[in-house]
Amino acid sequence: MKVCRQSKLHTTAEMPAETDPG
């Protein structure tokens, strides 16, 4: 979840699973 810290909105738009893997 390192990418989420750098680009929260970007990660959510590209990979929402990364922000909420559970």
N, C-alpha and C. Protein backbone atom coordinates (compact mmCIF):
# COMPACT_ATOMS: atom_id res chain seq x y z
N MET A 1 0.84 -1.21 0.00
CA MET A 1 0.00 0.00 0.00
C MET A 1 0.87 1.25 0.00
N LYS A 2 2.05 1.14 -0.61
CA LYS A 2 2.96 2.29 -0.67
C LYS A 2 2.50 3.28 -1.75
N VAL A 3 1.97 2.72 -2.83
CA VAL A 3 1.53 3.58 -3.94
C VAL A 3 0.36 4.46 -3.50
N CYS A 4 -0.49 3.90 -2.66
CA CYS A 4 -1.67 4.64 -2.18
C CYS A 4 -1.23 5.91 -1.44
N ARG A 5 -0.12 5.79 -0.73
CA ARG A 5 0.36 6.93 0.06
C ARG A 5 0.85 8.05 -0.88
N GLN A 6 1.49 7.65 -1.97
CA GLN A 6 2.02 8.65 -2.91
C GLN A 6 0.90 9.25 -3.77
N SER A 7 0.06 8.39 -4.28
CA SER A 7 -1.03 8.88 -5.14
C SER A 7 -2.34 8.20 -4.74
N LYS A 8 -3.00 8.76 -3.76
CA LYS A 8 -4.24 8.16 -3.26
C LYS A 8 -5.32 8.20 -4.34
N LEU A 9 -5.53 9.37 -4.92
CA LEU A 9 -6.58 9.51 -5.92
C LEU A 9 -6.20 8.76 -7.20
N HIS A 10 -4.91 8.76 -7.52
CA HIS A 10 -4.46 8.07 -8.74
C HIS A 10 -4.62 6.56 -8.59
N THR A 11 -4.27 6.06 -7.39
CA THR A 11 -4.36 4.62 -7.15
C THR A 11 -5.83 4.18 -7.16
N THR A 12 -6.69 4.99 -6.59
CA THR A 12 -8.11 4.65 -6.53
C THR A 12 -8.72 4.61 -7.93
N ALA A 13 -8.22 5.47 -8.80
CA ALA A 13 -8.76 5.54 -10.16
C ALA A 13 -8.20 4.40 -11.01
N GLU A 14 -6.93 4.07 -10.78
CA GLU A 14 -6.30 3.02 -11.60
C GLU A 14 -6.47 1.65 -10.93
N MET A 15 -6.16 1.59 -9.65
CA MET A 15 -6.28 0.32 -8.93
C MET A 15 -6.99 0.51 -7.59
N PRO A 16 -8.31 0.43 -7.59
CA PRO A 16 -9.09 0.60 -6.36
C PRO A 16 -8.85 -0.53 -5.37
N ALA A 17 -8.44 -1.68 -5.89
CA ALA A 17 -8.20 -2.85 -5.04
C ALA A 17 -6.99 -2.59 -4.13
N GLU A 18 -6.07 -1.77 -4.60
CA GLU A 18 -4.87 -1.49 -3.81
C GLU A 18 -5.23 -0.73 -2.53
N THR A 19 -6.21 0.17 -2.66
CA THR A 19 -6.61 0.96 -1.49
C THR A 19 -7.47 0.12 -0.56
N ASP A 20 -8.24 -0.78 -1.13
CA ASP A 20 -9.14 -1.61 -0.31
C ASP A 20 -8.98 -3.08 -0.68
N PRO A 21 -7.86 -3.66 -0.31
CA PRO A 21 -7.60 -5.06 -0.67
C PRO A 21 -8.53 -6.01 0.08
N GLY A 22 -8.94 -5.59 1.28
CA GLY A 22 -9.81 -6.44 2.09
C GLY A 22 -11.20 -6.40 1.54
